Amino acid sequence: MPSFNSHTLLQALHQDVSALLNETHTRFRAVSETILLQQPAPGSWSVAQCLDHLNGYGRYYIPRLREAIAEGEQRQLEARPVFRSSWLGNYFTNLMKPEADGSLRGKMKTPKDHRPAPQPDAKAVIAEFVSQQEQLQELLTRARNVDIRRLKVPISLTRFIRLSAGDTFRFLIAHEQRHILQAVRALLVVTGKSPTAVSVQSLSGNAR
């Protein structure tokens, strides 16, 4: 399984979240609610639905990452220079993360409790997403001082499977990149522009 310099990994993930915030501010915040709620095709998610879906995961994972990091701080579990991903954590991350050209690794069935509302409050959804990304940035900064491999977070599908905090960050941010890319393409379609040239380059640096 891959190994990473812990500090470099967390810094890169912080940059990924900054890129997601930049996309949200520059592409979505100035757009009308009508556009944000318009589906690019029957059965396809609108911009607001993509972000509403991500917010549901953020409501689950961000508090648990906060608990894990607080535990590491309390127990003085000092950061290690190298982070080693688990087989499962790396699998989940690679499954979610878009390819460099923006292509996705197939469609996935969304769990029932993470399906977006048909007509969410678009502006409220964007505001919550921005708040969650700012919280993620704060947690990534704090995570530099603790052992992100030893601290564990239960996944949302079952509490019996736990990923390291490091893999949870990797998976969660890859999942966000996947659906922000989907949201950008939805926006381009409903505004009459071609989505084919959109890639993941604006959403991240190097693959992790």
Protein backbone atom coordinates (compact mmCIF):
# COMPACT_ATOMS: atom_id res chain seq x y z
CA MET A 1 0.00 0.00 0.00
CA PRO A 2 1.23 3.53 -0.73
CA SER A 3 3.20 5.56 1.79
CA PHE A 4 3.29 9.33 2.01
CA ASN A 5 5.25 11.97 3.83
CA SER A 6 2.60 12.88 6.41
CA HIS A 7 3.16 16.63 6.34
CA THR A 8 3.25 16.76 2.53
CA LEU A 9 0.07 14.69 2.27
CA LEU A 10 -1.88 16.90 4.68
CA GLN A 11 -0.61 20.05 2.99
CA ALA A 12 -1.66 18.70 -0.42
CA LEU A 13 -5.12 17.77 0.90
CA HIS A 14 -5.43 21.27 2.37
CA GLN A 15 -4.66 22.66 -1.10
CA ASP A 16 -7.30 20.36 -2.60
CA VAL A 17 -9.91 21.76 -0.22
CA SER A 18 -8.82 25.30 -1.09
CA ALA A 19 -9.34 24.47 -4.76
CA LEU A 20 -12.82 23.14 -4.03
CA LEU A 21 -13.64 26.33 -2.16
CA ASN A 22 -12.35 28.41 -5.06
CA GLU A 23 -14.54 26.48 -7.51
CA THR A 24 -17.55 27.02 -5.27
CA HIS A 25 -16.94 30.75 -4.90
CA THR A 26 -16.13 31.44 -8.55
CA ARG A 27 -18.66 29.15 -10.26
CA PHE A 28 -21.65 28.68 -7.97
CA ARG A 29 -22.11 31.62 -5.61
CA ALA A 30 -22.96 34.17 -8.29
CA VAL A 31 -25.37 31.86 -10.13
CA SER A 32 -29.15 32.18 -9.75
CA GLU A 33 -31.06 29.66 -7.67
CA THR A 34 -32.99 28.64 -10.78
CA ILE A 35 -29.77 27.57 -12.50
CA LEU A 36 -28.44 25.84 -9.37
CA LEU A 37 -31.63 23.74 -9.17
CA GLN A 38 -31.86 22.89 -12.87
CA GLN A 39 -31.02 19.30 -13.72
CA PRO A 40 -28.81 18.83 -16.81
CA ALA A 41 -30.89 15.79 -17.85
CA PRO A 42 -33.81 13.80 -16.41
CA GLY A 43 -32.58 11.83 -13.41
CA SER A 44 -29.25 13.72 -13.24
CA TRP A 45 -28.38 15.83 -10.23
CA SER A 46 -28.40 19.61 -10.31
CA VAL A 47 -25.54 21.67 -8.88
CA ALA A 48 -27.48 22.10 -5.63
CA GLN A 49 -28.18 18.37 -5.39
CA CYS A 50 -24.48 17.52 -5.87
CA LEU A 51 -23.55 19.80 -2.99
CA ASP A 52 -26.47 18.64 -0.85
CA HIS A 53 -25.20 15.08 -1.27
CA LEU A 54 -21.71 16.14 -0.17
CA ASN A 55 -23.08 18.02 2.83
CA GLY A 56 -24.72 14.83 4.05
CA TYR A 57 -21.37 13.07 4.12
CA GLY A 58 -19.74 16.09 5.72
CA ARG A 59 -22.29 16.06 8.54
CA TYR A 60 -21.23 12.51 9.29
CA TYR A 61 -17.47 12.58 8.78
CA ILE A 62 -16.40 16.03 9.97
CA PRO A 63 -17.59 15.57 13.59
CA ARG A 64 -15.96 12.14 13.73
CA LEU A 65 -12.68 13.45 12.33
CA ARG A 66 -12.86 16.22 14.91
CA GLU A 67 -13.34 13.62 17.66
CA ALA A 68 -10.45 11.52 16.37
CA ILE A 69 -8.04 14.45 16.20
CA ALA A 70 -9.12 15.67 19.65
CA GLU A 71 -8.41 12.17 20.96
CA GLY A 72 -4.95 12.26 19.40
CA GLU A 73 -4.27 15.64 20.98
CA GLN A 74 -5.52 14.50 24.38
CA ARG A 75 -3.52 11.26 24.29
CA GLN A 76 -0.49 13.06 22.82
CA LEU A 77 -0.26 10.65 19.88
CA GLU A 78 2.48 12.53 18.08
CA ALA A 79 2.61 12.72 14.30
CA ARG A 80 4.74 10.21 12.45
CA PRO A 81 6.82 11.33 9.45
CA VAL A 82 5.36 8.64 7.18
CA PHE A 83 1.69 7.79 6.67
CA ARG A 84 0.88 4.36 5.25
CA SER A 85 -2.53 3.92 3.70
CA SER A 86 -4.49 0.73 4.35
CA TRP A 87 -5.65 -1.49 1.49
CA LEU A 88 -9.28 -0.55 2.12
CA GLY A 89 -8.61 3.15 2.58
CA ASN A 90 -6.62 3.32 -0.62
CA TYR A 91 -9.30 1.34 -2.47
CA PHE A 92 -12.08 3.72 -1.36
CA THR A 93 -9.99 6.76 -2.28
CA ASN A 94 -9.10 5.47 -5.74
CA LEU A 95 -12.70 4.42 -6.33
CA MET A 96 -13.90 7.98 -5.71
CA LYS A 97 -11.10 10.13 -7.09
CA PRO A 98 -11.56 11.36 -10.68
CA GLU A 99 -8.87 10.59 -13.22
CA ALA A 100 -6.60 13.44 -14.32
CA ASP A 101 -8.72 13.91 -17.48
CA GLY A 102 -11.89 14.22 -15.38
CA SER A 103 -13.25 10.75 -16.14
CA LEU A 104 -14.90 8.81 -13.33
CA ARG A 105 -14.62 5.16 -12.41
CA GLY A 106 -18.20 4.22 -13.24
CA LYS A 107 -21.47 5.11 -11.57
CA MET A 108 -22.16 4.22 -7.96
CA LYS A 109 -25.45 3.65 -6.23
CA THR A 110 -26.03 6.33 -3.61
CA PRO A 111 -27.11 5.03 -0.18
CA LYS A 112 -30.69 6.00 0.56
CA ASP A 113 -29.79 8.18 3.53
CA HIS A 114 -27.33 10.20 1.41
CA ARG A 115 -29.60 10.98 -1.53
CA PRO A 116 -30.09 14.71 -2.05
CA ALA A 117 -33.42 16.46 -1.72
CA PRO A 118 -35.28 16.98 -5.04
CA GLN A 119 -35.34 20.76 -4.56
CA PRO A 120 -32.94 21.80 -1.79
CA ASP A 121 -32.46 25.39 -0.66
CA ALA A 122 -29.62 26.11 -3.07
CA LYS A 123 -28.08 29.09 -1.30
CA ALA A 124 -28.25 27.38 2.10
CA VAL A 125 -26.64 24.27 0.60
CA ILE A 126 -23.73 26.30 -0.78
CA ALA A 127 -23.26 28.13 2.52
CA GLU A 128 -23.14 24.82 4.41
CA PHE A 129 -20.67 23.34 1.94
CA VAL A 130 -18.36 26.36 2.31
CA SER A 131 -18.57 26.08 6.11
CA GLN A 132 -17.73 22.38 5.96
CA GLN A 133 -14.67 23.00 3.78
CA GLU A 134 -13.42 25.65 6.18
CA GLN A 135 -13.83 23.15 9.03
CA LEU A 136 -11.92 20.55 7.00
CA GLN A 137 -9.07 22.99 6.49
CA GLU A 138 -8.89 23.61 10.23
CA LEU A 139 -8.88 19.86 10.95
CA LEU A 140 -6.18 19.20 8.35
CA THR A 141 -4.01 21.81 10.03
CA ARG A 142 -4.51 20.25 13.47
CA ALA A 143 -3.92 16.78 12.02
CA ARG A 144 -0.28 17.67 11.31
CA ASN A 145 0.46 17.24 15.01
CA VAL A 146 -1.14 13.83 15.61
CA ASP A 147 -0.77 10.25 14.36
CA ILE A 148 -3.26 10.13 11.48
CA ARG A 149 -2.70 6.41 10.95
CA ARG A 150 -3.38 5.29 14.52
CA LEU A 151 -6.54 7.38 14.97
CA LYS A 152 -9.62 5.67 13.52
CA VAL A 153 -12.98 6.80 12.10
CA PRO A 154 -15.97 4.48 11.48
CA ILE A 155 -17.27 4.66 7.91
CA SER A 156 -20.83 5.80 7.28
CA LEU A 157 -21.98 2.46 5.83
CA THR A 158 -21.19 0.49 8.98
CA ARG A 159 -19.63 1.29 12.33
CA PHE A 160 -17.81 -2.05 12.24
CA ILE A 161 -15.36 -0.83 9.55
CA ARG A 162 -12.94 1.88 10.64
CA LEU A 163 -10.46 3.79 8.52
CA SER A 164 -7.48 5.74 9.74
CA ALA A 165 -7.98 9.49 10.01
CA GLY A 166 -5.51 9.90 7.15
CA ASP A 167 -7.46 7.61 4.83
CA THR A 168 -10.73 9.21 5.91
CA PHE A 169 -9.42 12.62 4.83
CA ARG A 170 -8.20 11.14 1.52
CA PHE A 171 -11.47 9.36 0.79
CA LEU A 172 -13.71 12.26 1.84
CA ILE A 173 -11.86 14.85 -0.24
CA ALA A 174 -11.69 12.53 -3.27
CA HIS A 175 -15.46 12.08 -2.96
CA GLU A 176 -15.87 15.87 -2.89
CA GLN A 177 -13.71 16.25 -5.99
CA ARG A 178 -15.85 13.68 -7.78
CA HIS A 179 -19.12 15.49 -7.13
CA ILE A 180 -17.83 19.05 -7.51
CA LEU A 181 -16.64 17.95 -10.96
CA GLN A 182 -20.15 16.58 -11.55
CA ALA A 183 -21.64 19.90 -10.36
CA VAL A 184 -19.37 21.93 -12.67
CA ARG A 185 -20.42 19.79 -15.63
CA ALA A 186 -24.10 20.17 -14.67
CA LEU A 187 -23.67 23.95 -14.55
CA LEU A 188 -22.01 24.02 -17.97
CA VAL A 189 -24.79 21.94 -19.52
CA VAL A 190 -27.68 24.02 -18.13
CA THR A 191 -25.95 27.25 -19.19
CA GLY A 192 -25.42 25.97 -22.72
CA LYS A 193 -21.69 25.32 -22.56
CA SER A 194 -19.71 22.18 -23.36
CA PRO A 195 -18.65 20.11 -20.35
CA THR A 196 -16.23 17.91 -22.27
CA ALA A 197 -13.12 20.01 -21.56
CA VAL A 198 -13.55 19.97 -17.78
CA SER A 199 -10.78 18.09 -15.99
CA VAL A 200 -9.76 17.45 -12.41
CA GLN A 201 -6.66 19.68 -12.70
CA SER A 202 -8.42 22.68 -11.18
CA LEU A 203 -9.59 20.58 -8.23
CA SER A 204 -6.28 19.09 -7.10
CA GLY A 205 -2.57 18.90 -7.60
CA ASN A 206 -1.10 15.43 -7.75
CA ALA A 207 -3.06 12.21 -7.36
CA ARG A 208 -2.99 10.87 -3.80
